[in-house]
PDB file of N, CA and C in Angstrom:
ATOM      1  N   MET A   1       8.548  35.455  17.979  1.00  0.00           N
ATOM      2  CA  MET A   1       8.084  34.092  18.070  1.00  0.00           C
ATOM      3  C   MET A   1       8.676  33.300  16.904  1.00  0.00           C
ATOM      4  N   LEU A   2       9.187  32.145  17.203  1.00  0.00           N
ATOM      5  CA  LEU A   2       9.777  31.269  16.200  1.00  0.00           C
ATOM      6  C   LEU A   2       8.818  30.132  15.916  1.00  0.00           C
ATOM      7  N   VAL A   3       8.482  29.966  14.663  1.00  0.00           N
ATOM      8  CA  VAL A   3       7.598  28.871  14.254  1.00  0.00           C
ATOM      9  C   VAL A   3       8.416  27.919  13.396  1.00  0.00           C
ATOM     10  N   ILE A   4       8.409  26.673  13.777  1.00  0.00           N
ATOM     11  CA  ILE A   4       9.136  25.653  13.024  1.00  0.00           C
ATOM     12  C   ILE A   4       8.121  24.721  12.388  1.00  0.00           C
ATOM     13  N   CYS A   5       8.200  24.590  11.097  1.00  0.00           N
ATOM     14  CA  CYS A   5       7.315  23.677  10.381  1.00  0.00           C
ATOM     15  C   CYS A   5       8.149  22.512   9.855  1.00  0.00           C
ATOM     16  N   PHE A   6       7.635  21.368  10.038  1.00  0.00           N
ATOM     17  CA  PHE A   6       8.281  20.183   9.503  1.00  0.00           C
ATOM     18  C   PHE A   6       7.502  19.757   8.279  1.00  0.00           C
ATOM     19  N   TYR A   7       8.153  19.725   7.162  1.00  0.00           N
ATOM     20  CA  TYR A   7       7.502  19.334   5.918  1.00  0.00           C
ATOM     21  C   TYR A   7       8.077  18.005   5.482  1.00  0.00           C
ATOM     22  N   ASN A   8       7.221  17.040   5.352  1.00  0.00           N
ATOM     23  CA  ASN A   8       7.652  15.724   4.898  1.00  0.00           C
ATOM     24  C   ASN A   8       7.152  15.542   3.475  1.00  0.00           C
ATOM     25  N   PRO A   9       8.044  15.581   2.501  1.00  0.00           N
ATOM     26  CA  PRO A   9       7.599  15.456   1.112  1.00  0.00           C
ATOM     27  C   PRO A   9       7.124  14.052   0.750  1.00  0.00           C
ATOM     28  N   MET A  10       7.384  13.083   1.607  1.00  0.00           N
ATOM     29  CA  MET A  10       6.960  11.713   1.317  1.00  0.00           C
ATOM     30  C   MET A  10       5.443  11.590   1.454  1.00  0.00           C
ATOM     31  N   VAL A  11       4.875  10.735   0.649  1.00  0.00           N
ATOM     32  CA  VAL A  11       3.456  10.410   0.744  1.00  0.00           C
ATOM     33  C   VAL A  11       3.355   9.064   1.447  1.00  0.00           C
ATOM     34  N   VAL A  12       2.622   9.045   2.549  1.00  0.00           N
ATOM     35  CA  VAL A  12       2.363   7.808   3.272  1.00  0.00           C
ATOM     36  C   VAL A  12       0.926   7.404   2.967  1.00  0.00           C
ATOM     37  N   ALA A  13       0.747   6.168   2.558  1.00  0.00           N
ATOM     38  CA  ALA A  13      -0.590   5.692   2.223  1.00  0.00           C
ATOM     39  C   ALA A  13      -0.783   4.287   2.773  1.00  0.00           C
ATOM     40  N   PHE A  14      -2.039   3.950   2.986  1.00  0.00           N
ATOM     41  CA  PHE A  14      -2.414   2.611   3.414  1.00  0.00           C
ATOM     42  C   PHE A  14      -3.251   2.008   2.297  1.00  0.00           C
ATOM     43  N   VAL A  15      -2.795   0.870   1.802  1.00  0.00           N
ATOM     44  CA  VAL A  15      -3.480   0.206   0.696  1.00  0.00           C
ATOM     45  C   VAL A  15      -4.218  -0.999   1.265  1.00  0.00           C
ATOM     46  N   LEU A  16      -5.526  -1.005   1.095  1.00  0.00           N
ATOM     47  CA  LEU A  16      -6.379  -2.114   1.515  1.00  0.00           C
ATOM     48  C   LEU A  16      -6.559  -3.016   0.305  1.00  0.00           C
ATOM     49  N   ILE A  17      -6.271  -4.282   0.478  1.00  0.00           N
ATOM     50  CA  ILE A  17      -6.213  -5.198  -0.664  1.00  0.00           C
ATOM     51  C   ILE A  17      -7.145  -6.371  -0.458  1.00  0.00           C
ATOM     52  N   MET A  18      -7.964  -6.650  -1.473  1.00  0.00           N
ATOM     53  CA  MET A  18      -8.760  -7.870  -1.515  1.00  0.00           C
ATOM     54  C   MET A  18      -8.033  -8.851  -2.420  1.00  0.00           C
ATOM     55  N   SER A  19      -7.950 -10.083  -1.963  1.00  0.00           N
ATOM     56  CA  SER A  19      -7.312 -11.108  -2.788  1.00  0.00           C
ATOM     57  C   SER A  19      -8.325 -12.193  -3.125  1.00  0.00           C
ATOM     58  N   LYS A  20      -7.962 -12.993  -4.093  1.00  0.00           N
ATOM     59  CA  LYS A  20      -8.808 -14.134  -4.427  1.00  0.00           C
ATOM     60  C   LYS A  20      -8.730 -15.137  -3.286  1.00  0.00           C
ATOM     61  N   THR A  21      -9.817 -15.825  -3.047  1.00  0.00           N
ATOM     62  CA  THR A  21      -9.905 -16.775  -1.941  1.00  0.00           C
ATOM     63  C   THR A  21      -8.770 -17.789  -1.991  1.00  0.00           C
ATOM     64  N   GLY A  22      -8.100 -17.942  -0.845  1.00  0.00           N
ATOM     65  CA  GLY A  22      -7.014 -18.906  -0.734  1.00  0.00           C
ATOM     66  C   GLY A  22      -5.660 -18.411  -1.184  1.00  0.00           C
ATOM     67  N   GLN A  23      -5.585 -17.180  -1.710  1.00  0.00           N
ATOM     68  CA  GLN A  23      -4.308 -16.663  -2.207  1.00  0.00           C
ATOM     69  C   GLN A  23      -3.722 -15.557  -1.332  1.00  0.00           C
ATOM     70  N   GLU A  24      -4.274 -15.390  -0.132  1.00  0.00           N
ATOM     71  CA  GLU A  24      -3.853 -14.305   0.744  1.00  0.00           C
ATOM     72  C   GLU A  24      -2.356 -14.352   1.078  1.00  0.00           C
ATOM     73  N   LYS A  25      -1.853 -15.510   1.432  1.00  0.00           N
ATOM     74  CA  LYS A  25      -0.447 -15.620   1.836  1.00  0.00           C
ATOM     75  C   LYS A  25       0.502 -15.347   0.675  1.00  0.00           C
ATOM     76  N   GLU A  26       0.156 -15.808  -0.519  1.00  0.00           N
ATOM     77  CA  GLU A  26       0.998 -15.564  -1.690  1.00  0.00           C
ATOM     78  C   GLU A  26       0.996 -14.079  -2.052  1.00  0.00           C
ATOM     79  N   VAL A  27      -0.192 -13.460  -1.991  1.00  0.00           N
ATOM     80  CA  VAL A  27      -0.286 -12.027  -2.280  1.00  0.00           C
ATOM     81  C   VAL A  27       0.529 -11.244  -1.252  1.00  0.00           C
ATOM     82  N   LEU A  28       0.389 -11.586   0.019  1.00  0.00           N
ATOM     83  CA  LEU A  28       1.142 -10.903   1.077  1.00  0.00           C
ATOM     84  C   LEU A  28       2.642 -11.014   0.836  1.00  0.00           C
ATOM     85  N   ALA A  29       3.122 -12.184   0.492  1.00  0.00           N
ATOM     86  CA  ALA A  29       4.552 -12.372   0.236  1.00  0.00           C
ATOM     87  C   ALA A  29       5.021 -11.471  -0.908  1.00  0.00           C
ATOM     88  N   ASN A  30       4.231 -11.366  -1.965  1.00  0.00           N
ATOM     89  CA  ASN A  30       4.592 -10.510  -3.101  1.00  0.00           C
ATOM     90  C   ASN A  30       4.525  -9.032  -2.740  1.00  0.00           C
ATOM     91  N   ILE A  31       3.549  -8.637  -1.954  1.00  0.00           N
ATOM     92  CA  ILE A  31       3.420  -7.246  -1.511  1.00  0.00           C
ATOM     93  C   ILE A  31       4.644  -6.857  -0.680  1.00  0.00           C
ATOM     94  N   ARG A  32       5.053  -7.725   0.223  1.00  0.00           N
ATOM     95  CA  ARG A  32       6.191  -7.429   1.102  1.00  0.00           C
ATOM     96  C   ARG A  32       7.506  -7.298   0.347  1.00  0.00           C
ATOM     97  N   ARG A  33       7.591  -7.827  -0.868  1.00  0.00           N
ATOM     98  CA  ARG A  33       8.820  -7.736  -1.674  1.00  0.00           C
ATOM     99  C   ARG A  33       9.012  -6.352  -2.312  1.00  0.00           C
ATOM    100  N   LEU A  34       7.959  -5.549  -2.336  1.00  0.00           N
ATOM    101  CA  LEU A  34       8.040  -4.236  -2.975  1.00  0.00           C
ATOM    102  C   LEU A  34       8.785  -3.256  -2.070  1.00  0.00           C
ATOM    103  N   ASN A  35       9.732  -2.531  -2.632  1.00  0.00           N
ATOM    104  CA  ASN A  35      10.546  -1.589  -1.852  1.00  0.00           C
ATOM    105  C   ASN A  35       9.718  -0.508  -1.170  1.00  0.00           C
ATOM    106  N   GLU A  36       8.647  -0.078  -1.793  1.00  0.00           N
ATOM    107  CA  GLU A  36       7.831   1.007  -1.247  1.00  0.00           C
ATOM    108  C   GLU A  36       6.994   0.574  -0.046  1.00  0.00           C
ATOM    109  N   VAL A  37       6.810  -0.722   0.118  1.00  0.00           N
ATOM    110  CA  VAL A  37       5.983  -1.252   1.212  1.00  0.00           C
ATOM    111  C   VAL A  37       6.824  -1.320   2.478  1.00  0.00           C
ATOM    112  N   LYS A  38       6.380  -0.614   3.506  1.00  0.00           N
ATOM    113  CA  LYS A  38       7.105  -0.582   4.783  1.00  0.00           C
ATOM    114  C   LYS A  38       6.559  -1.615   5.760  1.00  0.00           C
ATOM    115  N   GLU A  39       5.272  -1.911   5.683  1.00  0.00           N
ATOM    116  CA  GLU A  39       4.631  -2.921   6.526  1.00  0.00           C
ATOM    117  C   GLU A  39       3.467  -3.505   5.746  1.00  0.00           C
ATOM    118  N   ALA A  40       3.154  -4.768   6.001  1.00  0.00           N
ATOM    119  CA  ALA A  40       1.986  -5.393   5.392  1.00  0.00           C
ATOM    120  C   ALA A  40       1.548  -6.559   6.267  1.00  0.00           C
ATOM    121  N   SER A  41       0.239  -6.692   6.422  1.00  0.00           N
ATOM    122  CA  SER A  41      -0.322  -7.750   7.271  1.00  0.00           C
ATOM    123  C   SER A  41      -1.631  -8.261   6.697  1.00  0.00           C
ATOM    124  N   ILE A  42      -1.910  -9.513   6.978  1.00  0.00           N
ATOM    125  CA  ILE A  42      -3.231 -10.064   6.696  1.00  0.00           C
ATOM    126  C   ILE A  42      -4.162  -9.574   7.798  1.00  0.00           C
ATOM    127  N   VAL A  43      -5.377  -9.183   7.413  1.00  0.00           N
ATOM    128  CA  VAL A  43      -6.359  -8.671   8.371  1.00  0.00           C
ATOM    129  C   VAL A  43      -7.699  -9.371   8.170  1.00  0.00           C
ATOM    130  N   PHE A  44      -8.540  -9.288   9.185  1.00  0.00           N
ATOM    131  CA  PHE A  44      -9.910  -9.793   9.094  1.00  0.00           C
ATOM    132  C   PHE A  44     -10.829  -8.640   8.705  1.00  0.00           C
ATOM    133  N   GLY A  45     -11.903  -8.947   8.004  1.00  0.00           N
ATOM    134  CA  GLY A  45     -12.857  -7.907   7.618  1.00  0.00           C
ATOM    135  C   GLY A  45     -13.105  -7.937   6.123  1.00  0.00           C
ATOM    136  N   ASP A  46     -13.530  -6.804   5.596  1.00  0.00           N
ATOM    137  CA  ASP A  46     -13.851  -6.719   4.172  1.00  0.00           C
ATOM    138  C   ASP A  46     -12.624  -6.883   3.286  1.00  0.00           C
ATOM    139  N   TYR A  47     -11.459  -6.502   3.799  1.00  0.00           N
ATOM    140  CA  TYR A  47     -10.219  -6.621   3.041  1.00  0.00           C
ATOM    141  C   TYR A  47      -9.372  -7.739   3.632  1.00  0.00           C
ATOM    142  N   ASP A  48      -8.433  -8.230   2.858  1.00  0.00           N
ATOM    143  CA  ASP A  48      -7.592  -9.346   3.287  1.00  0.00           C
ATOM    144  C   ASP A  48      -6.211  -8.905   3.764  1.00  0.00           C
ATOM    145  N   ILE A  49      -5.716  -7.796   3.207  1.00  0.00           N
ATOM    146  CA  ILE A  49      -4.355  -7.335   3.499  1.00  0.00           C
ATOM    147  C   ILE A  49      -4.366  -5.821   3.615  1.00  0.00           C
ATOM    148  N   ILE A  50      -3.572  -5.303   4.546  1.00  0.00           N
ATOM    149  CA  ILE A  50      -3.317  -3.862   4.605  1.00  0.00           C
ATOM    150  C   ILE A  50      -1.820  -3.666   4.465  1.00  0.00           C
ATOM    151  N   ALA A  51      -1.451  -2.682   3.645  1.00  0.00           N
ATOM    152  CA  ALA A  51      -0.033  -2.382   3.426  1.00  0.00           C
ATOM    153  C   ALA A  51       0.200  -0.897   3.630  1.00  0.00           C
ATOM    154  N   LYS A  52       1.239  -0.568   4.383  1.00  0.00           N
ATOM    155  CA  LYS A  52       1.662   0.822   4.544  1.00  0.00           C
ATOM    156  C   LYS A  52       2.770   1.070   3.540  1.00  0.00           C
ATOM    157  N   VAL A  53       2.598   2.108   2.721  1.00  0.00           N
ATOM    158  CA  VAL A  53       3.590   2.404   1.687  1.00  0.00           C
ATOM    159  C   VAL A  53       4.100   3.839   1.828  1.00  0.00           C
ATOM    160  N   ASP A  54       5.352   4.049   1.475  1.00  0.00           N
ATOM    161  CA  ASP A  54       5.974   5.374   1.424  1.00  0.00           C
ATOM    162  C   ASP A  54       6.466   5.602   0.006  1.00  0.00           C
ATOM    163  N   VAL A  55       6.015   6.700  -0.583  1.00  0.00           N
ATOM    164  CA  VAL A  55       6.461   7.080  -1.923  1.00  0.00           C
ATOM    165  C   VAL A  55       6.769   8.572  -1.921  1.00  0.00           C
ATOM    166  N   SER A  56       7.466   9.039  -2.936  1.00  0.00           N
ATOM    167  CA  SER A  56       7.887  10.439  -2.955  1.00  0.00           C
ATOM    168  C   SER A  56       6.784  11.412  -3.350  1.00  0.00           C
ATOM    169  N   ASN A  57       5.772  10.937  -4.094  1.00  0.00           N
ATOM    170  CA  ASN A  57       4.684  11.829  -4.500  1.00  0.00           C
ATOM    171  C   ASN A  57       3.476  10.998  -4.947  1.00  0.00           C
ATOM    172  N   VAL A  58       2.388  11.674  -5.225  1.00  0.00           N
ATOM    173  CA  VAL A  58       1.149  10.985  -5.596  1.00  0.00           C
ATOM    174  C   VAL A  58       1.285  10.268  -6.935  1.00  0.00           C
ATOM    175  N   GLU A  59       2.061  10.830  -7.837  1.00  0.00           N
ATOM    176  CA  GLU A  59       2.266  10.177  -9.127  1.00  0.00           C
ATOM    177  C   GLU A  59       2.961   8.822  -8.944  1.00  0.00           C
ATOM    178  N   ASN A  60       3.938   8.773  -8.047  1.00  0.00           N
ATOM    179  CA  ASN A  60       4.619   7.504  -7.778  1.00  0.00           C
ATOM    180  C   ASN A  60       3.700   6.516  -7.074  1.00  0.00           C
ATOM    181  N   LEU A  61       2.785   7.035  -6.251  1.00  0.00           N
ATOM    182  CA  LEU A  61       1.786   6.166  -5.627  1.00  0.00           C
ATOM    183  C   LEU A  61       0.895   5.548  -6.702  1.00  0.00           C
ATOM    184  N   ASN A  62       0.470   6.352  -7.646  1.00  0.00           N
ATOM    185  CA  ASN A  62      -0.349   5.852  -8.748  1.00  0.00           C
ATOM    186  C   ASN A  62       0.390   4.774  -9.537  1.00  0.00           C
ATOM    187  N   ASP A  63       1.666   5.015  -9.826  1.00  0.00           N
ATOM    188  CA  ASP A  63       2.475   4.021 -10.543  1.00  0.00           C
ATOM    189  C   ASP A  63       2.595   2.731  -9.734  1.00  0.00           C
ATOM    190  N   LEU A  64       2.840   2.864  -8.435  1.00  0.00           N
ATOM    191  CA  LEU A  64       2.944   1.685  -7.570  1.00  0.00           C
ATOM    192  C   LEU A  64       1.667   0.857  -7.622  1.00  0.00           C
ATOM    193  N   LEU A  65       0.536   1.537  -7.523  1.00  0.00           N
ATOM    194  CA  LEU A  65      -0.745   0.825  -7.522  1.00  0.00           C
ATOM    195  C   LEU A  65      -1.024   0.155  -8.867  1.00  0.00           C
ATOM    196  N   LEU A  66      -0.881   0.923  -9.940  1.00  0.00           N
ATOM    197  CA  LEU A  66      -1.266   0.412 -11.261  1.00  0.00           C
ATOM    198  C   LEU A  66      -0.246  -0.543 -11.866  1.00  0.00           C
ATOM    199  N   SER A  67       1.034  -0.266 -11.649  1.00  0.00           N
ATOM    200  CA  SER A  67       2.070  -1.057 -12.313  1.00  0.00           C
ATOM    201  C   SER A  67       2.595  -2.224 -11.486  1.00  0.00           C
ATOM    202  N   LYS A  68       2.404  -2.164 -10.179  1.00  0.00           N
ATOM    203  CA  LYS A  68       2.963  -3.217  -9.337  1.00  0.00           C
ATOM    204  C   LYS A  68       1.894  -3.960  -8.537  1.00  0.00           C
ATOM    205  N   ILE A  69       1.227  -3.261  -7.631  1.00  0.00           N
ATOM    206  CA  ILE A  69       0.316  -3.952  -6.708  1.00  0.00           C
ATOM    207  C   ILE A  69      -0.846  -4.618  -7.439  1.00  0.00           C
ATOM    208  N   ARG A  70      -1.525  -3.891  -8.307  1.00  0.00           N
ATOM    209  CA  ARG A  70      -2.694  -4.468  -8.989  1.00  0.00           C
ATOM    210  C   ARG A  70      -2.329  -5.538 -10.008  1.00  0.00           C
ATOM    211  N   LYS A  71      -1.061  -5.639 -10.347  1.00  0.00           N
ATOM    212  CA  LYS A  71      -0.619  -6.679 -11.291  1.00  0.00           C
ATOM    213  C   LYS A  71      -0.166  -7.952 -10.588  1.00  0.00           C
ATOM    214  N   ILE A  72      -0.143  -7.933  -9.269  1.00  0.00           N
ATOM    215  CA  ILE A  72       0.246  -9.140  -8.532  1.00  0.00           C
ATOM    216  C   ILE A  72      -0.851 -10.186  -8.712  1.00  0.00           C
ATOM    217  N   PRO A  73      -0.493 -11.401  -9.121  1.00  0.00           N
ATOM    218  CA  PRO A  73      -1.499 -12.457  -9.271  1.00  0.00           C
ATOM    219  C   PRO A  73      -2.250 -12.683  -7.952  1.00  0.00           C
ATOM    220  N   GLY A  74      -3.560 -12.709  -8.033  1.00  0.00           N
ATOM    221  CA  GLY A  74      -4.380 -12.941  -6.859  1.00  0.00           C
ATOM    222  C   GLY A  74      -4.987 -11.686  -6.271  1.00  0.00           C
ATOM    223  N   VAL A  75      -4.502 -10.495  -6.673  1.00  0.00           N
ATOM    224  CA  VAL A  75      -5.099  -9.259  -6.203  1.00  0.00           C
ATOM    225  C   VAL A  75      -6.367  -9.000  -7.008  1.00  0.00           C
ATOM    226  N   SER A  76      -7.490  -8.841  -6.309  1.00  0.00           N
ATOM    227  CA  SER A  76      -8.746  -8.616  -7.026  1.00  0.00           C
ATOM    228  C   SER A  76      -9.235  -7.164  -6.929  1.00  0.00           C
ATOM    229  N   MET A  77      -8.840  -6.449  -5.861  1.00  0.00           N
ATOM    230  CA  MET A  77      -9.283  -5.060  -5.709  1.00  0.00           C
ATOM    231  C   MET A  77      -8.424  -4.354  -4.669  1.00  0.00           C
ATOM    232  N   THR A  78      -8.260  -3.034  -4.848  1.00  0.00           N
ATOM    233  CA  THR A  78      -7.556  -2.235  -3.846  1.00  0.00           C
ATOM    234  C   THR A  78      -8.329  -0.978  -3.534  1.00  0.00           C
ATOM    235  N   THR A  79      -8.141  -0.478  -2.337  1.00  0.00           N
ATOM    236  CA  THR A  79      -8.617   0.840  -1.918  1.00  0.00           C
ATOM    237  C   THR A  79      -7.442   1.505  -1.234  1.00  0.00           C
ATOM    238  N   THR A  80      -7.218   2.787  -1.547  1.00  0.00           N
ATOM    239  CA  THR A  80      -6.055   3.472  -1.002  1.00  0.00           C
ATOM    240  C   THR A  80      -6.475   4.666  -0.149  1.00  0.00           C
ATOM    241  N   LEU A  81      -5.865   4.756   1.021  1.00  0.00           N
ATOM    242  CA  LEU A  81      -6.085   5.878   1.940  1.00  0.00           C
ATOM    243  C   LEU A  81      -4.765   6.619   2.068  1.00  0.00           C
ATOM    244  N   ILE A  82      -4.757   7.914   1.737  1.00  0.00           N
ATOM    245  CA  ILE A  82      -3.546   8.713   1.790  1.00  0.00           C
ATOM    246  C   ILE A  82      -3.522   9.466   3.123  1.00  0.00           C
ATOM    247  N   GLY A  83      -2.419   9.316   3.864  1.00  0.00           N
ATOM    248  CA  GLY A  83      -2.264  10.034   5.119  1.00  0.00           C
ATOM    249  C   GLY A  83      -1.928  11.498   4.888  1.00  0.00           C
ATOM    250  N   ILE A  84      -2.347  12.345   5.831  1.00  0.00           N
ATOM    251  CA  ILE A  84      -2.033  13.769   5.726  1.00  0.00           C
ATOM    252  C   ILE A  84      -1.246  14.230   6.938  1.00  0.00           C
TER     253      ILE A  84
END
């Protein structure tokens, strides 16, 4: 029996972003400029924006969140969901 495993070393995560009132479009534009962001949209609900990101490892995800996304003017909070 032949078993083939596909291992994807990339980390795919979904970042839920709350922005300051009225700054959603500006935050979205800045989020979309980041190379790691593959998709981003404004959404209705508790969060204002969802972004799908691809990074090489969890450490790079942490750097992306702390050094880039959370420093964007107008971002007030993030929650991150890591895909498996």
